[in-house]
């Protein structure tokens, strides 16, 4: 079901978690006017007529639409064996199925972390122009890595020198990428000689030059990085966000906090990737690294590093929030990682991320109370994307269960 763009929507009798100036309203309302949030507050503000005409959400929680700050649209929780030679048409259909699954989780904005074809850019253009209804997309170009690095069979561009790296930065800026994604560590080697787990795959010089060129062009730099030495190089290079961050020490967390650097730990992907049933070729390495990731997350939470939530290719938003809580984060702060924190990192907080009047009507409604139980984020009732309403029952029709596709894929 969809709402006309010019229709006023009044959601009443709900727990409203605004992530903004209104804070948390235990028994509140939210009014949408077209594609904007127009008003919110406690039910006591409404007239008897308004209360009678509103759409009661008793027993439900109204929140900002969720933001998945690290994902790959074409590979959301795949059970199939992915082949980089798959056609663009197949990638497009997989990506559109992922779009419906994003909406089913209440996700209205995604940061896509890179792939080898033009499908993502074309979908973003279609979503932006209104040809198709999709999430807001903040998108990197192809992930930049030195040759034969992590997941090279998917993303290898044959880059061999620092000059080729900076050339690719300029190319991606010219082509319209929203940010630069770098892969700085390699977790895939059968016999890594560095620490037995990870090999730094980019020199300090190469990282420095790539970050400097990106910043000169006004581009945010997100870096896939694990283990102490790679993380040390990233901090020295002054990257903007560290993705995954397994092996961050407490001292490095303090440095990140003091520099205002973001951490997107993809905790649910770390957990699932370590599970033998994940089917990933690097699962044994991920299992060995998982305790490092857990400790790094605990240190980052305790120290106060700025953090945003992302699922990568295997996790879920509910799992991500619960794992932040397991790492010591408070319930409200854990919800911030998948709402306003993501918006701030993506520099979209003037438009989305909180329920404040004048912001875009990206709204998620969940049965239950995600403050008390993160699993409530699995129980979407409906989502509004720029004021357009999509009910869970409607979305379920577009992603029917399949024995050859894992749940949520």
Protein backbone atom coordinates (compact mmCIF):
# COMPACT_ATOMS: atom_id res chain seq x y z
CA UNK A 1 0.00 0.00 0.00
CA UNK A 2 1.25 3.50 -0.77
CA UNK A 3 0.17 6.95 0.42
CA UNK A 4 -0.28 9.85 -2.04
CA UNK A 5 2.55 12.33 -1.63
CA UNK A 6 0.23 15.22 -0.68
CA UNK A 7 -1.75 13.32 1.97
CA UNK A 8 -1.41 14.12 5.66
CA UNK A 9 -0.69 11.08 7.80
CA UNK A 10 -1.26 11.12 11.55
CA UNK A 11 0.21 8.20 13.51
CA UNK A 12 -1.08 8.12 17.08
CA UNK A 13 -0.79 6.20 20.36
CA UNK A 14 2.80 5.17 19.60
CA UNK A 15 6.10 5.13 21.38
CA UNK A 16 8.03 7.74 19.41
CA UNK A 17 11.82 7.45 19.44
CA UNK A 18 12.73 10.67 17.66
CA UNK A 19 16.56 10.65 17.89
CA UNK A 20 16.09 14.40 17.76
CA UNK A 21 14.94 17.36 19.83
CA UNK A 22 11.74 15.64 21.04
CA UNK A 23 13.64 12.73 22.60
CA UNK A 24 11.56 9.67 23.48
CA UNK A 25 7.78 10.09 23.85
CA UNK A 26 6.15 7.09 25.49
CA UNK A 27 2.65 7.90 24.22
CA UNK A 28 2.99 10.18 21.25
CA UNK A 29 2.03 11.04 17.71
CA UNK A 30 3.80 11.83 14.46
CA UNK A 31 2.31 13.84 11.60
CA UNK A 32 3.58 13.61 8.03
CA UNK A 33 2.64 16.13 5.36
CA UNK A 34 3.54 14.86 1.93
CA UNK A 35 7.20 13.91 2.01
CA UNK A 36 8.06 15.86 5.16
CA UNK A 37 7.67 15.44 8.90
CA UNK A 38 5.43 18.27 10.05
CA UNK A 39 4.79 17.71 13.77
CA UNK A 40 5.25 15.32 16.68
CA UNK A 41 4.63 15.32 20.39
CA UNK A 42 2.70 13.73 23.25
CA UNK A 43 -0.89 12.61 22.67
CA UNK A 44 -2.07 15.24 25.15
CA UNK A 45 -1.39 17.90 22.49
CA UNK A 46 -4.02 16.51 20.12
CA UNK A 47 -7.68 17.43 20.06
CA UNK A 48 -10.35 14.78 20.53
CA UNK A 49 -11.11 15.00 16.82
CA UNK A 50 -7.47 14.45 15.89
CA UNK A 51 -7.19 11.49 18.22
CA UNK A 52 -10.28 9.93 16.67
CA UNK A 53 -9.07 10.45 13.10
CA UNK A 54 -5.49 9.27 13.63
CA UNK A 55 -4.04 5.89 12.65
CA UNK A 56 -3.50 4.20 16.02
CA UNK A 57 -0.12 2.52 16.45
CA UNK A 58 -0.79 1.27 19.96
CA UNK A 59 1.84 -1.29 20.96
CA UNK A 60 4.20 -0.05 18.23
CA UNK A 61 7.29 2.14 18.03
CA UNK A 62 7.75 4.91 15.49
CA UNK A 63 11.37 5.70 14.58
CA UNK A 64 13.40 7.35 11.86
CA UNK A 65 13.96 5.09 8.86
CA UNK A 66 17.04 2.99 9.55
CA UNK A 67 20.40 3.61 7.87
CA UNK A 68 22.60 0.68 6.86
CA UNK A 69 26.03 2.30 6.73
CA UNK A 70 27.94 -0.64 5.24
CA UNK A 71 26.35 -3.03 2.80
CA UNK A 72 26.64 -4.42 -0.73
CA UNK A 73 23.28 -4.21 -2.48
CA UNK A 74 24.05 -6.97 -4.97
CA UNK A 75 25.16 -9.50 -2.32
CA UNK A 76 22.78 -9.11 0.64
CA UNK A 77 22.97 -12.36 2.63
CA UNK A 78 23.48 -14.61 -0.42
CA UNK A 79 23.30 -18.36 -0.11
CA UNK A 80 24.34 -18.82 -3.73
CA UNK A 81 27.95 -18.91 -4.90
CA UNK A 82 28.63 -15.46 -6.30
CA UNK A 83 30.40 -15.26 -9.65
CA UNK A 84 31.91 -11.94 -10.81
CA UNK A 85 31.09 -12.99 -14.38
CA UNK A 86 27.35 -12.92 -13.62
CA UNK A 87 25.45 -10.67 -15.99
CA UNK A 88 24.43 -7.13 -15.18
CA UNK A 89 20.81 -8.19 -15.58
CA UNK A 90 21.18 -10.84 -12.87
CA UNK A 91 22.95 -8.39 -10.56
CA UNK A 92 20.13 -5.91 -11.14
CA UNK A 93 17.45 -8.41 -10.14
CA UNK A 94 19.44 -9.46 -7.06
CA UNK A 95 19.84 -5.82 -6.15
CA UNK A 96 16.12 -5.11 -6.50
CA UNK A 97 15.31 -8.08 -4.28
CA UNK A 98 17.75 -6.60 -1.76
CA UNK A 99 15.91 -3.28 -2.00
CA UNK A 100 12.66 -4.93 -0.90
CA UNK A 101 14.54 -6.69 1.91
CA UNK A 102 16.01 -3.37 3.04
CA UNK A 103 12.52 -1.92 3.26
CA UNK A 104 11.35 -5.03 5.18
CA UNK A 105 13.96 -4.19 7.84
CA UNK A 106 12.87 -0.56 7.99
CA UNK A 107 16.00 0.60 6.12
CA UNK A 108 15.43 3.69 4.00
CA UNK A 109 19.07 4.72 3.40
CA UNK A 110 22.08 2.61 2.47
CA UNK A 111 25.78 3.21 1.99
CA UNK A 112 26.90 0.79 -0.70
CA UNK A 113 30.57 -0.16 -0.41
CA UNK A 114 31.59 -0.99 -3.97
CA UNK A 115 31.34 -3.50 -6.79
CA UNK A 116 32.76 -4.12 -10.25
CA UNK A 117 29.86 -3.11 -12.50
CA UNK A 118 27.60 -0.12 -13.19
CA UNK A 119 24.39 -1.63 -11.81
CA UNK A 120 24.48 0.32 -8.54
CA UNK A 121 25.00 3.68 -10.23
CA UNK A 122 22.17 3.07 -12.67
CA UNK A 123 19.81 1.99 -9.88
CA UNK A 124 20.72 5.05 -7.85
CA UNK A 125 19.88 7.26 -10.81
CA UNK A 126 16.53 5.50 -11.29
CA UNK A 127 15.69 5.84 -7.59
CA UNK A 128 16.74 9.49 -7.54
CA UNK A 129 14.68 10.34 -10.61
CA UNK A 130 11.58 8.58 -9.27
CA UNK A 131 11.43 5.91 -11.95
CA UNK A 132 11.67 3.27 -9.19
CA UNK A 133 11.05 3.51 -5.46
CA UNK A 134 14.21 2.64 -3.60
CA UNK A 135 16.30 3.64 -0.60
CA UNK A 136 18.50 6.67 -0.55
CA UNK A 137 21.89 5.50 -1.82
CA UNK A 138 25.29 6.84 -0.87
CA UNK A 139 27.67 4.97 -3.11
CA UNK A 140 31.37 4.44 -3.61
CA UNK A 141 33.01 3.67 -6.89
CA UNK A 142 34.84 0.36 -7.28
CA UNK A 143 36.71 -0.55 -4.11
CA UNK A 144 40.38 0.42 -4.45
CA UNK A 145 43.01 -2.14 -3.51
CA UNK A 146 46.48 -3.10 -4.59
CA UNK A 147 46.41 -6.10 -6.92
CA UNK A 148 45.52 -9.58 -5.58
CA UNK A 149 44.24 -8.23 -2.25
CA UNK A 150 41.16 -9.16 -0.23
CA UNK A 151 38.41 -10.61 -2.44
CA UNK A 152 40.56 -9.91 -5.49
CA UNK A 153 38.44 -12.25 -7.64
CA UNK A 154 35.61 -9.75 -7.19
CA UNK A 155 37.22 -6.32 -7.05
CA UNK A 156 40.77 -6.53 -8.39
CA UNK A 157 41.49 -3.60 -10.72
CA UNK A 158 45.12 -4.59 -11.26
CA UNK A 159 46.43 -1.54 -9.38
CA UNK A 160 50.18 -1.87 -8.85
CA UNK A 161 51.45 1.62 -7.97
CA UNK A 162 50.53 4.65 -5.89
CA UNK A 163 50.13 6.67 -9.07
CA UNK A 164 47.51 4.22 -10.32
CA UNK A 165 45.64 4.54 -7.03
CA UNK A 166 45.44 8.31 -7.21
CA UNK A 167 44.46 8.06 -10.89
CA UNK A 168 41.50 5.90 -9.86
CA UNK A 169 40.50 8.43 -7.20
CA UNK A 170 40.38 11.17 -9.83
CA UNK A 171 38.42 8.90 -12.17
CA UNK A 172 35.83 8.05 -9.50
CA UNK A 173 35.43 11.71 -8.55
CA UNK A 174 34.83 12.57 -12.21
CA UNK A 175 32.31 9.73 -12.55
CA UNK A 176 30.25 10.88 -9.58
CA UNK A 177 31.14 8.54 -6.70
CA UNK A 178 29.87 9.79 -3.33
CA UNK A 179 32.94 8.60 -1.40
CA UNK A 180 36.13 6.57 -1.83
CA UNK A 181 36.35 2.97 -0.58
CA UNK A 182 39.78 1.41 0.03
CA UNK A 183 40.69 -2.16 0.95
CA UNK A 184 43.89 -1.88 3.00
CA UNK A 185 44.23 -5.34 4.58
CA UNK A 186 44.18 -8.88 3.18
CA UNK A 187 42.49 -11.59 5.23
CA UNK A 188 42.42 -14.23 2.48
CA UNK A 189 45.94 -15.65 2.33
CA UNK A 190 46.37 -19.30 3.26
CA UNK A 191 49.70 -18.68 4.98
CA UNK A 192 49.86 -15.03 6.08
CA UNK A 193 53.30 -14.23 7.39
CA UNK A 194 52.48 -11.04 9.27
CA UNK A 195 50.54 -12.00 12.39
CA UNK A 196 49.15 -15.31 11.20
CA UNK A 197 45.83 -13.69 10.33
CA UNK A 198 46.11 -10.53 8.25
CA UNK A 199 48.65 -8.93 5.94
CA UNK A 200 48.76 -5.13 5.42
CA UNK A 201 48.12 -4.73 1.68
CA UNK A 202 48.82 -1.06 1.18
CA UNK A 203 51.95 0.85 2.13
CA UNK A 204 51.85 3.94 4.31
CA UNK A 205 52.91 6.00 1.30
CA UNK A 206 50.09 4.64 -0.84
CA UNK A 207 47.49 5.21 1.87
CA UNK A 208 48.72 8.74 2.55
CA UNK A 209 48.63 9.69 -1.12
CA UNK A 210 45.20 8.18 -1.73
CA UNK A 211 43.66 9.88 1.30
CA UNK A 212 45.32 13.19 0.47
CA UNK A 213 44.04 13.12 -3.11
CA UNK A 214 40.55 12.14 -1.95
CA UNK A 215 40.44 14.91 0.62
CA UNK A 216 41.70 17.42 -1.92
CA UNK A 217 38.62 16.48 -3.96
CA UNK A 218 36.32 16.80 -0.94
CA UNK A 219 35.75 13.04 -0.73
CA UNK A 220 35.13 10.98 2.41
CA UNK A 221 37.47 7.96 2.66
CA UNK A 222 36.21 4.65 4.08
CA UNK A 223 38.78 1.89 4.56
CA UNK A 224 38.37 -1.87 5.01
CA UNK A 225 41.03 -2.50 7.64
CA UNK A 226 41.83 -5.19 10.20
CA UNK A 227 44.73 -5.97 12.56
CA UNK A 228 47.07 -3.62 14.35
CA UNK A 229 49.54 -2.60 11.63
CA UNK A 230 46.99 -1.85 8.92
CA UNK A 231 44.87 0.06 11.45
CA UNK A 232 47.93 2.02 12.57
CA UNK A 233 48.62 3.05 8.97
CA UNK A 234 45.01 4.11 8.46
CA UNK A 235 45.05 6.30 11.55
CA UNK A 236 48.34 7.90 10.46
CA UNK A 237 46.83 8.56 7.01
CA UNK A 238 43.79 10.23 8.66
CA UNK A 239 41.11 8.21 6.92
CA UNK A 240 37.50 9.19 7.68
CA UNK A 241 36.07 5.81 8.64
CA UNK A 242 37.48 2.41 9.47
CA UNK A 243 35.29 -0.48 8.33
CA UNK A 244 35.39 -3.69 10.44
CA UNK A 245 38.37 -2.73 12.61
CA UNK A 246 39.09 -6.15 14.11
CA UNK A 247 42.19 -5.82 16.24
CA UNK A 248 41.89 -2.14 17.16
CA UNK A 249 43.68 -1.58 20.43
CA UNK A 250 42.33 0.63 23.18
CA UNK A 251 45.06 3.17 22.43
CA UNK A 252 44.05 3.25 18.77
CA UNK A 253 40.42 3.73 19.80
CA UNK A 254 41.48 6.77 21.83
CA UNK A 255 43.29 8.16 18.77
CA UNK A 256 40.21 7.62 16.61
CA UNK A 257 37.96 9.32 19.15
CA UNK A 258 40.26 12.33 19.46
CA UNK A 259 40.46 12.66 15.66
CA UNK A 260 36.69 12.33 15.17
CA UNK A 261 37.22 9.22 13.03
CA UNK A 262 34.25 6.91 12.49
CA UNK A 263 34.14 3.15 13.10
CA UNK A 264 31.66 0.92 11.27
CA UNK A 265 32.42 -2.49 12.82
CA UNK A 266 29.86 -4.60 10.91
CA UNK A 267 29.43 -6.72 14.04
CA UNK A 268 26.68 -8.95 12.64
CA UNK A 269 28.81 -9.77 9.61
CA UNK A 270 31.75 -10.55 11.90
CA UNK A 271 29.58 -12.98 13.84
CA UNK A 272 28.02 -14.65 10.82
CA UNK A 273 31.28 -14.76 8.89
CA UNK A 274 32.87 -16.67 11.78
CA UNK A 275 30.10 -19.30 11.71
CA UNK A 276 31.08 -22.51 9.84
CA UNK A 277 27.69 -22.45 8.11
CA UNK A 278 28.47 -19.11 6.45
CA UNK A 279 30.03 -20.83 3.46
CA UNK A 280 32.64 -18.11 3.02
CA UNK A 281 36.10 -19.21 1.83
CA UNK A 282 37.79 -17.20 4.59
CA UNK A 283 35.55 -18.51 7.41
CA UNK A 284 38.40 -20.14 9.44
CA UNK A 285 40.26 -16.84 9.48
CA UNK A 286 37.11 -14.94 10.42
CA UNK A 287 36.49 -17.36 13.29
CA UNK A 288 40.01 -16.80 14.58
CA UNK A 289 39.59 -13.02 14.30
CA UNK A 290 36.12 -12.82 15.85
CA UNK A 291 37.33 -12.49 19.47
CA UNK A 292 39.57 -9.62 18.34
CA UNK A 293 36.56 -7.88 16.83
CA UNK A 294 34.52 -8.33 19.99
CA UNK A 295 37.25 -6.82 22.16
CA UNK A 296 37.80 -3.95 19.73
CA UNK A 297 34.08 -3.16 19.79
CA UNK A 298 34.03 -3.17 23.60
CA UNK A 299 37.03 -0.83 23.73
CA UNK A 300 35.53 1.48 21.10
CA UNK A 301 32.24 1.70 22.98
CA UNK A 302 33.94 2.33 26.33
CA UNK A 303 36.30 4.95 24.93
CA UNK A 304 33.56 6.75 22.98
CA UNK A 305 34.52 6.30 19.32
CA UNK A 306 31.86 7.59 16.92
CA UNK A 307 30.15 4.49 15.51
CA UNK A 308 27.59 3.64 12.86
CA UNK A 309 25.86 0.34 12.13
CA UNK A 310 26.20 -1.71 8.96
CA UNK A 311 25.56 -5.34 8.10
CA UNK A 312 27.96 -5.90 5.17
CA UNK A 313 26.62 -8.95 3.26
CA UNK A 314 25.39 -11.34 5.95
CA UNK A 315 24.07 -9.56 9.04
CA UNK A 316 20.75 -7.92 9.94
CA UNK A 317 19.95 -4.58 11.52
CA UNK A 318 18.40 -6.22 14.60
CA UNK A 319 21.55 -8.32 15.09
CA UNK A 320 23.75 -5.27 14.62
CA UNK A 321 21.92 -3.32 17.31
CA UNK A 322 21.97 -6.25 19.74
CA UNK A 323 25.70 -6.77 19.24
CA UNK A 324 26.36 -3.10 20.01
CA UNK A 325 24.49 -3.69 23.26
CA UNK A 326 26.52 -6.83 23.92
CA UNK A 327 29.62 -4.65 23.54
CA UNK A 328 28.41 -2.41 26.36
CA UNK A 329 26.48 0.28 24.48
CA UNK A 330 23.25 1.62 25.99
CA UNK A 331 19.92 0.84 24.33
CA UNK A 332 19.24 4.34 22.98
CA UNK A 333 22.82 4.81 21.78
CA UNK A 334 22.65 1.47 19.95
CA UNK A 335 19.61 2.75 18.03
CA UNK A 336 21.50 5.94 17.25
CA UNK A 337 24.11 3.88 15.37
CA UNK A 338 21.46 2.89 12.80
CA UNK A 339 19.73 6.29 12.61
CA UNK A 340 21.20 9.70 13.38
CA UNK A 341 24.83 8.54 13.63
CA UNK A 342 24.66 7.11 10.13
CA UNK A 343 23.04 10.31 8.89
CA UNK A 344 25.79 12.41 10.46
CA UNK A 345 28.54 10.25 8.95
CA UNK A 346 26.92 10.48 5.53
CA UNK A 347 26.37 14.24 5.99
CA UNK A 348 22.64 13.77 5.53
CA UNK A 349 21.59 14.71 9.07
CA UNK A 350 19.93 17.94 7.87
CA UNK A 351 17.45 15.74 5.96
CA UNK A 352 17.14 12.37 7.71
CA UNK A 353 18.19 10.37 10.77
CA UNK A 354 15.78 11.90 13.29
CA UNK A 355 12.10 12.72 13.54
CA UNK A 356 12.28 16.51 13.51
CA UNK A 357 9.80 18.81 11.76
CA UNK A 358 11.01 19.76 8.30
CA UNK A 359 13.05 16.60 7.76
CA UNK A 360 12.16 14.05 5.11
CA UNK A 361 9.42 11.57 5.92
CA UNK A 362 11.63 8.49 6.16
CA UNK A 363 9.94 6.61 8.99
CA UNK A 364 9.83 3.02 10.26
CA UNK A 365 7.09 1.53 12.45
CA UNK A 366 7.91 -1.59 14.47
CA UNK A 367 5.72 -3.78 16.64
CA UNK A 368 7.07 -3.80 20.19
CA UNK A 369 9.79 -1.75 21.87
CA UNK A 370 13.31 -1.89 20.38
CA UNK A 371 14.66 -0.04 23.42
CA UNK A 372 13.74 -3.02 25.57
CA UNK A 373 14.42 -5.73 22.99
CA UNK A 374 16.47 -5.25 19.83
CA UNK A 375 14.60 -8.14 18.18
CA UNK A 376 11.61 -5.79 17.84
CA UNK A 377 13.49 -4.43 14.82
CA UNK A 378 12.59 -7.70 13.08
CA UNK A 379 8.88 -6.88 13.39
CA UNK A 380 8.34 -4.10 10.87
CA UNK A 381 4.73 -3.05 10.44
CA UNK A 382 5.28 -0.42 7.77
CA UNK A 383 7.89 1.95 6.42
CA UNK A 384 7.57 5.39 4.86
CA UNK A 385 10.16 6.34 2.27
CA UNK A 386 9.93 10.05 1.51
CA UNK A 387 6.29 9.89 2.59
CA UNK A 388 5.40 6.85 0.50
CA UNK A 389 3.96 4.03 2.62
CA UNK A 390 4.95 0.38 2.23
CA UNK A 391 3.32 -2.24 4.47
CA UNK A 392 5.17 -5.38 5.55
CA UNK A 393 2.51 -7.63 4.00
CA UNK A 394 2.94 -5.80 0.70
CA UNK A 395 6.73 -6.17 0.79
CA UNK A 396 6.56 -9.86 1.66
CA UNK A 397 4.82 -10.53 -1.65
CA UNK A 398 7.88 -9.32 -3.55
CA UNK A 399 10.39 -11.49 -1.69
CA UNK A 400 8.72 -14.88 -1.28
CA UNK A 401 10.67 -17.49 0.69
CA UNK A 402 12.89 -19.76 -1.35
CA UNK A 403 14.79 -22.88 -0.18
CA UNK A 404 17.78 -21.89 -2.33
CA UNK A 405 17.94 -18.32 -0.92
CA UNK A 406 18.72 -17.73 2.75
CA UNK A 407 16.29 -15.77 4.92
CA UNK A 408 16.42 -12.09 4.10
CA UNK A 409 18.26 -12.57 0.80
